[in-house]
Amino acid sequence: MSWNTLVKVARFHLNNWVAFVAGPWLILAFTFAVNLVIFASTPSGGSMVHYAGALSSIYIMFAVVGGGSVGGSMSFALALGVSRRSFYAGTFLLAAGLAVADGLILTLLQSIERATGGWGLNLLFFRVLYLFAGPWYLTWLTAFVGLILMFAYGMWYGLIYKRSHWPGVLTFIAAQVIVLTAVIIGVSRANGWQGVGHFFTTLTIGGLTAALAALAVLLAAGAYGTIRRITV
């Protein structure tokens, strides 16, 4: 697995640059425009802060792109002699590059939003309380980790569908629900909700970013384990 091979895989994906590069931003731009129109036309006090909560659209799109990255392109790449490991690493190389660039753009847009008083509307669109309220470099890092995490999550779904289609996807969803339910029951029986609340209320954004990074690694590892078992 050479660096040149990984770059070629990344460039191969960019043949569909609309989905990888433009798609998430087109959705985010549309969502942003809708929020501007809504809050600009809503009578409110001049000091009232508007919370949009729509920045999640670009993260959802990264998950969608991650899932789509292993569609027909994977079979074609493997038919050309690319190994599964190289395809996986090259795909994540592209995702990392996009997450670095997109995270920086999101950080810049947040700075503009601060400087313009929320686009003149006291709108919090790119500023998310707690998550993106620290220094710019921490905001950039958190945005990057979040984008990579969602890409890995979506890619894992795409690989599971590639391997076993909808039965596998439904099983994967059911497994997550079972694990979550087991955790909730365990915490409830141990009367541990106060401790859970204390943990999250005292967790710094740096600590949360580290936890999300660890989760992203686990998701990426799961995706890698799946791709090794796919037959094409």
C-alpha atoms as a PDB file:
ATOM      1  CA  MET A   1       0.000   0.000   0.000  1.00  0.00           C
ATOM      2  CA  SER A   2       1.851   3.074  -1.273  1.00  0.00           C
ATOM      3  CA  TRP A   3       1.057   6.741  -0.818  1.00  0.00           C
ATOM      4  CA  ASN A   4       0.549   7.107  -4.573  1.00  0.00           C
ATOM      5  CA  THR A   5      -2.105   4.394  -4.496  1.00  0.00           C
ATOM      6  CA  LEU A   6      -3.979   6.144  -1.699  1.00  0.00           C
ATOM      7  CA  VAL A   7      -3.884   9.441  -3.588  1.00  0.00           C
ATOM      8  CA  LYS A   8      -5.187   7.703  -6.714  1.00  0.00           C
ATOM      9  CA  VAL A   9      -8.091   6.251  -4.726  1.00  0.00           C
ATOM     10  CA  ALA A  10      -8.885   9.705  -3.339  1.00  0.00           C
ATOM     11  CA  ARG A  11      -8.747  11.226  -6.823  1.00  0.00           C
ATOM     12  CA  PHE A  12     -10.905   8.380  -8.105  1.00  0.00           C
ATOM     13  CA  HIS A  13     -13.618   9.378  -5.626  1.00  0.00           C
ATOM     14  CA  LEU A  14     -13.320  13.001  -6.715  1.00  0.00           C
ATOM     15  CA  ASN A  15     -14.634  12.063 -10.133  1.00  0.00           C
ATOM     16  CA  ASN A  16     -17.907  12.445  -8.253  1.00  0.00           C
ATOM     17  CA  TRP A  17     -16.823  15.764  -6.717  1.00  0.00           C
ATOM     18  CA  VAL A  18     -20.392  17.064  -6.536  1.00  0.00           C
ATOM     19  CA  ALA A  19     -21.295  14.448  -3.927  1.00  0.00           C
ATOM     20  CA  PHE A  20     -18.047  14.643  -1.963  1.00  0.00           C
ATOM     21  CA  VAL A  21     -17.239  18.348  -2.118  1.00  0.00           C
ATOM     22  CA  ALA A  22     -20.263  20.374  -3.189  1.00  0.00           C
ATOM     23  CA  GLY A  23     -23.149  18.292  -1.840  1.00  0.00           C
ATOM     24  CA  PRO A  24     -22.720  18.917   1.906  1.00  0.00           C
ATOM     25  CA  TRP A  25     -22.213  22.635   1.336  1.00  0.00           C
ATOM     26  CA  LEU A  26     -25.194  22.964  -0.987  1.00  0.00           C
ATOM     27  CA  ILE A  27     -27.415  21.414   1.672  1.00  0.00           C
ATOM     28  CA  LEU A  28     -25.901  23.600   4.386  1.00  0.00           C
ATOM     29  CA  ALA A  29     -26.244  26.743   2.247  1.00  0.00           C
ATOM     30  CA  PHE A  30     -29.895  25.967   1.573  1.00  0.00           C
ATOM     31  CA  THR A  31     -30.540  25.331   5.271  1.00  0.00           C
ATOM     32  CA  PHE A  32     -28.760  28.552   6.192  1.00  0.00           C
ATOM     33  CA  ALA A  33     -30.775  30.563   3.662  1.00  0.00           C
ATOM     34  CA  VAL A  34     -34.042  29.126   4.980  1.00  0.00           C
ATOM     35  CA  ASN A  35     -33.099  30.073   8.531  1.00  0.00           C
ATOM     36  CA  LEU A  36     -32.147  33.595   7.488  1.00  0.00           C
ATOM     37  CA  VAL A  37     -35.501  34.084   5.775  1.00  0.00           C
ATOM     38  CA  ILE A  38     -37.447  32.647   8.711  1.00  0.00           C
ATOM     39  CA  PHE A  39     -35.747  34.691  11.424  1.00  0.00           C
ATOM     40  CA  ALA A  40     -35.591  37.865   9.326  1.00  0.00           C
ATOM     41  CA  SER A  41     -39.357  37.724   8.842  1.00  0.00           C
ATOM     42  CA  THR A  42     -40.198  36.814  12.450  1.00  0.00           C
ATOM     43  CA  PRO A  43     -40.970  39.791  14.693  1.00  0.00           C
ATOM     44  CA  SER A  44     -38.877  39.622  17.841  1.00  0.00           C
ATOM     45  CA  GLY A  45     -37.056  41.750  20.317  1.00  0.00           C
ATOM     46  CA  GLY A  46     -33.757  43.188  19.158  1.00  0.00           C
ATOM     47  CA  SER A  47     -31.860  41.420  21.895  1.00  0.00           C
ATOM     48  CA  MET A  48     -33.469  38.015  21.395  1.00  0.00           C
ATOM     49  CA  VAL A  49     -31.032  35.276  20.406  1.00  0.00           C
ATOM     50  CA  HIS A  50     -32.172  32.842  17.712  1.00  0.00           C
ATOM     51  CA  TYR A  51     -30.931  29.273  17.960  1.00  0.00           C
ATOM     52  CA  ALA A  52     -31.029  27.560  14.573  1.00  0.00           C
ATOM     53  CA  GLY A  53     -29.703  24.107  15.397  1.00  0.00           C
ATOM     54  CA  ALA A  54     -29.368  23.345  11.688  1.00  0.00           C
ATOM     55  CA  LEU A  55     -25.597  23.054  11.454  1.00  0.00           C
ATOM     56  CA  SER A  56     -26.142  19.315  11.915  1.00  0.00           C
ATOM     57  CA  SER A  57     -27.140  19.134   8.234  1.00  0.00           C
ATOM     58  CA  ILE A  58     -23.519  19.116   7.057  1.00  0.00           C
ATOM     59  CA  TYR A  59     -22.654  16.349   9.531  1.00  0.00           C
ATOM     60  CA  ILE A  60     -25.604  14.270   8.356  1.00  0.00           C
ATOM     61  CA  MET A  61     -24.450  14.801   4.778  1.00  0.00           C
ATOM     62  CA  PHE A  62     -20.969  13.552   5.690  1.00  0.00           C
ATOM     63  CA  ALA A  63     -22.568  10.336   6.942  1.00  0.00           C
ATOM     64  CA  VAL A  64     -24.518  10.059   3.687  1.00  0.00           C
ATOM     65  CA  VAL A  65     -21.357  10.651   1.645  1.00  0.00           C
ATOM     66  CA  GLY A  66     -19.508   8.081   3.746  1.00  0.00           C
ATOM     67  CA  GLY A  67     -22.198   5.506   3.034  1.00  0.00           C
ATOM     68  CA  GLY A  68     -22.185   6.302  -0.670  1.00  0.00           C
ATOM     69  CA  SER A  69     -18.415   6.114  -0.950  1.00  0.00           C
ATOM     70  CA  VAL A  70     -18.550   2.315  -1.072  1.00  0.00           C
ATOM     71  CA  GLY A  71     -21.261   1.930  -3.683  1.00  0.00           C
ATOM     72  CA  GLY A  72     -20.400   0.841  -7.191  1.00  0.00           C
ATOM     73  CA  SER A  73     -17.062   2.646  -6.976  1.00  0.00           C
ATOM     74  CA  MET A  74     -15.641   0.037  -4.623  1.00  0.00           C
ATOM     75  CA  SER A  75     -16.372  -2.889  -6.932  1.00  0.00           C
ATOM     76  CA  PHE A  76     -14.897  -0.972  -9.860  1.00  0.00           C
ATOM     77  CA  ALA A  77     -11.758  -0.039  -7.912  1.00  0.00           C
ATOM     78  CA  LEU A  78     -11.203  -3.605  -6.719  1.00  0.00           C
ATOM     79  CA  ALA A  79     -11.692  -4.854 -10.274  1.00  0.00           C
ATOM     80  CA  LEU A  80      -8.845  -2.545 -11.307  1.00  0.00           C
ATOM     81  CA  GLY A  81      -6.555  -4.258  -8.826  1.00  0.00           C
ATOM     82  CA  VAL A  82      -6.837  -1.926  -5.826  1.00  0.00           C
ATOM     83  CA  SER A  83      -6.694  -3.836  -2.559  1.00  0.00           C
ATOM     84  CA  ARG A  84      -9.423  -3.489   0.044  1.00  0.00           C
ATOM     85  CA  ARG A  85      -6.962  -1.944   2.467  1.00  0.00           C
ATOM     86  CA  SER A  86      -5.812   0.631  -0.081  1.00  0.00           C
ATOM     87  CA  PHE A  87      -9.382   1.496  -1.029  1.00  0.00           C
ATOM     88  CA  TYR A  88     -10.311   1.918   2.622  1.00  0.00           C
ATOM     89  CA  ALA A  89      -7.245   4.027   3.472  1.00  0.00           C
ATOM     90  CA  GLY A  90      -7.544   6.149   0.326  1.00  0.00           C
ATOM     91  CA  THR A  91     -11.206   6.829   1.033  1.00  0.00           C
ATOM     92  CA  PHE A  92     -10.391   7.944   4.558  1.00  0.00           C
ATOM     93  CA  LEU A  93      -7.525  10.061   3.249  1.00  0.00           C
ATOM     94  CA  LEU A  94     -10.026  11.987   1.145  1.00  0.00           C
ATOM     95  CA  ALA A  95     -12.457  12.209   4.085  1.00  0.00           C
ATOM     96  CA  ALA A  96      -9.725  13.563   6.345  1.00  0.00           C
ATOM     97  CA  GLY A  97      -8.714  16.176   3.787  1.00  0.00           C
ATOM     98  CA  LEU A  98     -12.300  17.294   3.326  1.00  0.00           C
ATOM     99  CA  ALA A  99     -12.882  17.377   7.089  1.00  0.00           C
ATOM    100  CA  VAL A 100      -9.798  19.550   7.612  1.00  0.00           C
ATOM    101  CA  ALA A 101     -10.882  22.012   4.914  1.00  0.00           C
ATOM    102  CA  ASP A 102     -14.581  22.012   5.821  1.00  0.00           C
ATOM    103  CA  GLY A 103     -13.800  22.344   9.526  1.00  0.00           C
ATOM    104  CA  LEU A 104     -11.680  25.400   8.783  1.00  0.00           C
ATOM    105  CA  ILE A 105     -14.443  26.948   6.674  1.00  0.00           C
ATOM    106  CA  LEU A 106     -16.979  26.324   9.445  1.00  0.00           C
ATOM    107  CA  THR A 107     -14.622  28.008  11.920  1.00  0.00           C
ATOM    108  CA  LEU A 108     -14.233  30.994   9.599  1.00  0.00           C
ATOM    109  CA  LEU A 109     -17.993  31.287   9.140  1.00  0.00           C
ATOM    110  CA  GLN A 110     -18.414  31.195  12.904  1.00  0.00           C
ATOM    111  CA  SER A 111     -15.982  34.126  13.221  1.00  0.00           C
ATOM    112  CA  ILE A 112     -17.948  36.072  10.616  1.00  0.00           C
ATOM    113  CA  GLU A 113     -21.165  35.282  12.457  1.00  0.00           C
ATOM    114  CA  ARG A 114     -19.678  36.645  15.679  1.00  0.00           C
ATOM    115  CA  ALA A 115     -18.399  39.804  13.962  1.00  0.00           C
ATOM    116  CA  THR A 116     -21.760  40.541  12.316  1.00  0.00           C
ATOM    117  CA  GLY A 117     -23.851  39.996  15.431  1.00  0.00           C
ATOM    118  CA  GLY A 118     -25.337  36.789  14.091  1.00  0.00           C
ATOM    119  CA  TRP A 119     -25.767  38.122  10.537  1.00  0.00           C
ATOM    120  CA  GLY A 120     -27.560  41.127  11.984  1.00  0.00           C
ATOM    121  CA  LEU A 121     -30.274  38.878  13.421  1.00  0.00           C
ATOM    122  CA  ASN A 122     -28.662  37.549  16.620  1.00  0.00           C
ATOM    123  CA  LEU A 123     -28.696  34.192  14.843  1.00  0.00           C
ATOM    124  CA  LEU A 124     -26.644  31.305  16.213  1.00  0.00           C
ATOM    125  CA  PHE A 125     -26.216  29.086  13.186  1.00  0.00           C
ATOM    126  CA  PHE A 126     -22.492  28.306  13.037  1.00  0.00           C
ATOM    127  CA  ARG A 127     -22.042  28.954  16.743  1.00  0.00           C
ATOM    128  CA  VAL A 128     -23.276  26.011  18.780  1.00  0.00           C
ATOM    129  CA  LEU A 129     -23.378  26.574  22.521  1.00  0.00           C
ATOM    130  CA  TYR A 130     -20.784  24.501  24.363  1.00  0.00           C
ATOM    131  CA  LEU A 131     -19.618  22.605  21.250  1.00  0.00           C
ATOM    132  CA  PHE A 132     -18.293  25.582  19.305  1.00  0.00           C
ATOM    133  CA  ALA A 133     -17.835  28.221  21.978  1.00  0.00           C
ATOM    134  CA  GLY A 134     -14.097  27.980  22.608  1.00  0.00           C
ATOM    135  CA  PRO A 135     -11.033  29.316  20.791  1.00  0.00           C
ATOM    136  CA  TRP A 136     -10.925  28.936  17.018  1.00  0.00           C
ATOM    137  CA  TYR A 137      -8.404  26.115  17.000  1.00  0.00           C
ATOM    138  CA  LEU A 138     -10.533  24.018  19.359  1.00  0.00           C
ATOM    139  CA  THR A 139     -13.602  24.743  17.251  1.00  0.00           C
ATOM    140  CA  TRP A 140     -11.671  23.611  14.186  1.00  0.00           C
ATOM    141  CA  LEU A 141     -10.539  20.420  15.902  1.00  0.00           C
ATOM    142  CA  THR A 142     -14.024  19.604  17.191  1.00  0.00           C
ATOM    143  CA  ALA A 143     -15.567  20.228  13.778  1.00  0.00           C
ATOM    144  CA  PHE A 144     -12.927  18.027  12.135  1.00  0.00           C
ATOM    145  CA  VAL A 145     -13.462  15.161  14.594  1.00  0.00           C
ATOM    146  CA  GLY A 146     -17.236  15.385  14.225  1.00  0.00           C
ATOM    147  CA  LEU A 147     -17.056  15.245  10.432  1.00  0.00           C
ATOM    148  CA  ILE A 148     -14.684  12.277  10.443  1.00  0.00           C
ATOM    149  CA  LEU A 149     -16.855  10.473  12.992  1.00  0.00           C
ATOM    150  CA  MET A 150     -19.978  10.865  10.865  1.00  0.00           C
ATOM    151  CA  PHE A 151     -18.134   9.806   7.707  1.00  0.00           C
ATOM    152  CA  ALA A 152     -16.867   6.653   9.443  1.00  0.00           C
ATOM    153  CA  TYR A 153     -20.350   5.894  10.770  1.00  0.00           C
ATOM    154  CA  GLY A 154     -21.921   6.305   7.344  1.00  0.00           C
ATOM    155  CA  MET A 155     -19.163   4.300   5.654  1.00  0.00           C
ATOM    156  CA  TRP A 156     -19.704   1.415   8.070  1.00  0.00           C
ATOM    157  CA  TYR A 157     -23.390   1.377   7.142  1.00  0.00           C
ATOM    158  CA  GLY A 158     -22.464   1.394   3.457  1.00  0.00           C
ATOM    159  CA  LEU A 159     -20.063  -1.515   3.907  1.00  0.00           C
ATOM    160  CA  ILE A 160     -22.607  -3.547   5.863  1.00  0.00           C
ATOM    161  CA  TYR A 161     -25.152  -2.978   3.092  1.00  0.00           C
ATOM    162  CA  LYS A 162     -22.518  -3.949   0.537  1.00  0.00           C
ATOM    163  CA  ARG A 163     -21.873  -7.197   2.365  1.00  0.00           C
ATOM    164  CA  SER A 164     -25.354  -8.339   3.431  1.00  0.00           C
ATOM    165  CA  HIS A 165     -27.819  -5.764   2.103  1.00  0.00           C
ATOM    166  CA  TRP A 166     -30.876  -4.745   4.146  1.00  0.00           C
ATOM    167  CA  PRO A 167     -30.891  -7.744   6.522  1.00  0.00           C
ATOM    168  CA  GLY A 168     -27.390  -6.760   7.621  1.00  0.00           C
ATOM    169  CA  VAL A 169     -28.305  -3.083   7.995  1.00  0.00           C
ATOM    170  CA  LEU A 170     -31.392  -3.896  10.055  1.00  0.00           C
ATOM    171  CA  THR A 171     -29.348  -6.258  12.224  1.00  0.00           C
ATOM    172  CA  PHE A 172     -26.745  -3.530  12.729  1.00  0.00           C
ATOM    173  CA  ILE A 173     -29.435  -1.045  13.773  1.00  0.00           C
ATOM    174  CA  ALA A 174     -31.021  -3.592  16.101  1.00  0.00           C
ATOM    175  CA  ALA A 175     -27.648  -4.311  17.722  1.00  0.00           C
ATOM    176  CA  GLN A 176     -27.158  -0.609  18.450  1.00  0.00           C
ATOM    177  CA  VAL A 177     -30.648  -0.327  19.941  1.00  0.00           C
ATOM    178  CA  ILE A 178     -30.020  -3.378  22.134  1.00  0.00           C
ATOM    179  CA  VAL A 179     -26.702  -1.991  23.399  1.00  0.00           C
ATOM    180  CA  LEU A 180     -28.238   1.410  24.116  1.00  0.00           C
ATOM    181  CA  THR A 181     -31.182  -0.170  25.893  1.00  0.00           C
ATOM    182  CA  ALA A 182     -28.859  -2.330  27.982  1.00  0.00           C
ATOM    183  CA  VAL A 183     -26.845   0.728  29.013  1.00  0.00           C
ATOM    184  CA  ILE A 184     -29.990   2.648  29.986  1.00  0.00           C
ATOM    185  CA  ILE A 185     -31.303  -0.281  32.028  1.00  0.00           C
ATOM    186  CA  GLY A 186     -27.916  -0.781  33.687  1.00  0.00           C
ATOM    187  CA  VAL A 187     -27.583   2.868  34.678  1.00  0.00           C
ATOM    188  CA  SER A 188     -31.192   2.957  35.942  1.00  0.00           C
ATOM    189  CA  ARG A 189     -30.764  -0.136  38.094  1.00  0.00           C
ATOM    190  CA  ALA A 190     -27.551   1.266  39.538  1.00  0.00           C
ATOM    191  CA  ASN A 191     -29.242   4.632  40.202  1.00  0.00           C
ATOM    192  CA  GLY A 192     -26.417   6.191  38.270  1.00  0.00           C
ATOM    193  CA  TRP A 193     -28.166   8.955  36.355  1.00  0.00           C
ATOM    194  CA  GLN A 194     -26.932  11.598  38.781  1.00  0.00           C
ATOM    195  CA  GLY A 195     -23.363  10.475  38.159  1.00  0.00           C
ATOM    196  CA  VAL A 196     -23.937  10.470  34.400  1.00  0.00           C
ATOM    197  CA  GLY A 197     -25.347  13.984  34.577  1.00  0.00           C
ATOM    198  CA  HIS A 198     -22.414  15.153  36.689  1.00  0.00           C
ATOM    199  CA  PHE A 199     -19.960  13.638  34.202  1.00  0.00           C
ATOM    200  CA  PHE A 200     -21.442  15.404  31.205  1.00  0.00           C
ATOM    201  CA  THR A 201     -21.953  18.737  32.973  1.00  0.00           C
ATOM    202  CA  THR A 202     -18.308  18.810  34.067  1.00  0.00           C
ATOM    203  CA  LEU A 203     -16.866  17.468  30.808  1.00  0.00           C
ATOM    204  CA  THR A 204     -14.878  20.117  28.946  1.00  0.00           C
ATOM    205  CA  ILE A 205     -15.183  20.546  25.197  1.00  0.00           C
ATOM    206  CA  GLY A 206     -11.607  19.301  24.896  1.00  0.00           C
ATOM    207  CA  GLY A 207     -12.559  16.149  26.794  1.00  0.00           C
ATOM    208  CA  LEU A 208     -15.656  15.672  24.658  1.00  0.00           C
ATOM    209  CA  THR A 209     -13.616  16.094  21.481  1.00  0.00           C
ATOM    210  CA  ALA A 210     -11.188  13.446  22.710  1.00  0.00           C
ATOM    211  CA  ALA A 211     -14.087  11.095  23.479  1.00  0.00           C
ATOM    212  CA  LEU A 212     -15.569  11.667  20.023  1.00  0.00           C
ATOM    213  CA  ALA A 213     -12.162  11.025  18.471  1.00  0.00           C
ATOM    214  CA  ALA A 214     -11.952   7.701  20.317  1.00  0.00           C
ATOM    215  CA  LEU A 215     -15.439   6.810  19.081  1.00  0.00           C
ATOM    216  CA  ALA A 216     -14.423   7.729  15.529  1.00  0.00           C
ATOM    217  CA  VAL A 217     -11.464   5.353  15.792  1.00  0.00           C
ATOM    218  CA  LEU A 218     -13.780   2.554  16.941  1.00  0.00           C
ATOM    219  CA  LEU A 219     -16.172   3.200  14.066  1.00  0.00           C
ATOM    220  CA  ALA A 220     -13.307   3.293  11.574  1.00  0.00           C
ATOM    221  CA  ALA A 221     -12.002   0.009  12.975  1.00  0.00           C
ATOM    222  CA  GLY A 222     -15.449  -1.555  12.622  1.00  0.00           C
ATOM    223  CA  ALA A 223     -15.648  -0.357   9.025  1.00  0.00           C
ATOM    224  CA  TYR A 224     -12.209  -1.809   8.309  1.00  0.00           C
ATOM    225  CA  GLY A 225     -13.165  -5.149   9.822  1.00  0.00           C
ATOM    226  CA  THR A 226     -16.242  -5.202   7.599  1.00  0.00           C
ATOM    227  CA  ILE A 227     -14.491  -4.298   4.358  1.00  0.00           C
ATOM    228  CA  ARG A 228     -12.060  -7.174   4.805  1.00  0.00           C
ATOM    229  CA  ARG A 229     -14.984  -9.629   4.749  1.00  0.00           C
ATOM    230  CA  ILE A 230     -16.718  -8.273   1.667  1.00  0.00           C
ATOM    231  CA  THR A 231     -16.701 -10.414  -1.453  1.00  0.00           C
ATOM    232  CA  VAL A 232     -17.109  -8.699  -4.805  1.00  0.00           C
END
